[in-house]
Amino acid sequence: MTPAGRRQRVVVVGAPRREGSAWDGGRLAALGFLGGLAVGMVVWSRQQHRHRRGLFSRHPLRRLAALGYLSARPSAATARLLRDYIRWEARPVLRRRGRQVLRHVEASLE
């Protein structure tokens, strides 16, 4: 005991942890990874939803988000819109993605 009547706490550096600790490094890393993955999915989903009308935007990322949004909503109107988009799009990568989405939409309608 100290002169003030308190117990001193002894900390041993490098002492092994108790087995079964709920907050060991592996679990914390897994929790951080899963948390980051969940946040990333929510952000991407909101981005797609916000830019669903951005198919003819001047920003390529907005066009990509709009393609993702449209791929989940197959309809005859979506197919017509995608055909117009493919003719309009100047970037080969986005044009190719538009063709993939159009094939997906057409297959869903059959």
Protein backbone atom coordinates (compact mmCIF):
# COMPACT_ATOMS: atom_id res chain seq x y z
CA MET A 1 0.00 0.00 0.00
CA THR A 2 1.04 3.55 -0.62
CA PRO A 3 1.34 6.12 2.15
CA ALA A 4 -2.12 7.43 1.20
CA GLY A 5 -3.61 3.99 1.86
CA ARG A 6 -4.21 3.06 -1.78
CA ARG A 7 -3.10 -0.14 -3.42
CA GLN A 8 -0.55 0.06 -6.15
CA ARG A 9 -1.38 -1.58 -9.44
CA VAL A 10 1.37 -3.70 -10.94
CA VAL A 11 1.46 -3.89 -14.74
CA VAL A 12 3.68 -6.50 -16.31
CA VAL A 13 4.78 -5.48 -19.80
CA GLY A 14 4.63 -8.34 -22.28
CA ALA A 15 2.49 -10.54 -20.05
CA PRO A 16 0.29 -12.96 -21.97
CA ARG A 17 -3.38 -12.10 -22.25
CA ARG A 18 -6.07 -14.32 -20.90
CA GLU A 19 -7.24 -16.85 -23.45
CA GLY A 20 -10.65 -16.25 -24.95
CA SER A 21 -10.41 -12.49 -24.77
CA ALA A 22 -13.22 -11.04 -26.88
CA TRP A 23 -11.11 -8.15 -28.19
CA ASP A 24 -7.99 -9.82 -29.48
CA GLY A 25 -6.26 -8.42 -32.57
CA GLY A 26 -7.76 -10.85 -35.09
CA ARG A 27 -11.31 -10.16 -34.03
CA LEU A 28 -10.74 -6.42 -34.05
CA ALA A 29 -9.27 -6.62 -37.55
CA ALA A 30 -12.21 -8.71 -38.78
CA LEU A 31 -14.67 -6.32 -37.16
CA GLY A 32 -12.94 -3.34 -38.78
CA PHE A 33 -12.94 -5.02 -42.18
CA LEU A 34 -16.63 -5.94 -41.99
CA GLY A 35 -17.52 -2.47 -40.74
CA GLY A 36 -15.63 -0.85 -43.61
CA LEU A 37 -17.26 -3.18 -46.10
CA ALA A 38 -20.73 -2.35 -44.77
CA VAL A 39 -20.07 1.39 -44.86
CA GLY A 40 -18.69 1.11 -48.40
CA MET A 41 -21.78 -0.76 -49.59
CA VAL A 42 -24.11 1.83 -48.05
CA VAL A 43 -22.17 4.72 -49.60
CA TRP A 44 -22.13 3.06 -53.05
CA SER A 45 -25.85 2.29 -52.82
CA ARG A 46 -26.65 5.90 -51.92
CA GLN A 47 -24.38 7.11 -54.72
CA GLN A 48 -26.23 4.95 -57.23
CA HIS A 49 -29.61 6.05 -55.94
CA ARG A 50 -28.66 9.72 -56.01
CA HIS A 51 -27.30 9.54 -59.56
CA ARG A 52 -29.97 7.31 -61.09
CA ARG A 53 -30.87 10.15 -63.43
CA GLY A 54 -27.25 10.87 -64.28
CA LEU A 55 -27.05 8.53 -67.27
CA PHE A 56 -26.27 11.43 -69.61
CA SER A 57 -24.22 13.41 -67.08
CA ARG A 58 -20.86 14.87 -68.07
CA HIS A 59 -19.28 13.01 -65.12
CA PRO A 60 -18.25 9.40 -65.95
CA LEU A 61 -18.69 8.16 -62.37
CA ARG A 62 -22.28 9.40 -62.33
CA ARG A 63 -22.93 7.61 -65.61
CA LEU A 64 -21.47 4.41 -64.17
CA ALA A 65 -23.64 4.74 -61.06
CA ALA A 66 -26.71 5.29 -63.24
CA LEU A 67 -25.91 2.13 -65.21
CA GLY A 68 -25.71 0.18 -61.95
CA TYR A 69 -29.03 1.60 -60.85
CA LEU A 70 -30.71 0.75 -64.16
CA SER A 71 -29.35 -2.80 -64.22
CA ALA A 72 -31.50 -3.63 -61.18
CA ARG A 73 -34.68 -2.22 -62.77
CA PRO A 74 -35.38 -4.07 -66.03
CA SER A 75 -38.21 -2.72 -68.16
CA ALA A 76 -38.92 -1.91 -71.79
CA ALA A 77 -38.34 1.79 -71.06
CA THR A 78 -34.96 0.98 -69.50
CA ALA A 79 -33.97 -1.00 -72.61
CA ARG A 80 -34.89 1.94 -74.90
CA LEU A 81 -32.98 4.35 -72.69
CA LEU A 82 -29.91 2.11 -72.70
CA ARG A 83 -29.97 1.85 -76.51
CA ASP A 84 -29.93 5.64 -76.72
CA TYR A 85 -27.17 5.80 -74.13
CA ILE A 86 -24.95 3.31 -76.02
CA ARG A 87 -25.22 5.43 -79.17
CA TRP A 88 -24.44 8.61 -77.20
CA GLU A 89 -21.56 7.37 -74.96
CA ALA A 90 -18.08 8.31 -76.18
CA ARG A 91 -16.02 6.28 -73.66
CA PRO A 92 -15.52 2.67 -74.81
CA VAL A 93 -15.46 1.28 -71.26
CA LEU A 94 -18.79 2.84 -70.36
CA ARG A 95 -20.28 1.91 -73.73
CA ARG A 96 -19.25 -1.71 -73.11
CA ARG A 97 -20.81 -1.61 -69.63
CA GLY A 98 -23.98 -0.16 -71.17
CA ARG A 99 -24.14 -3.08 -73.61
CA GLN A 100 -23.73 -5.55 -70.73
CA VAL A 101 -26.54 -3.90 -68.80
CA LEU A 102 -28.74 -3.86 -71.91
CA ARG A 103 -28.17 -7.61 -72.43
CA HIS A 104 -29.05 -8.21 -68.79
CA VAL A 105 -32.23 -6.12 -69.06
CA GLU A 106 -33.30 -7.84 -72.29
CA ALA A 107 -32.68 -11.29 -70.78
CA SER A 108 -34.77 -10.34 -67.75
CA LEU A 109 -37.66 -9.23 -69.96
CA GLU A 110 -37.82 -12.49 -71.93
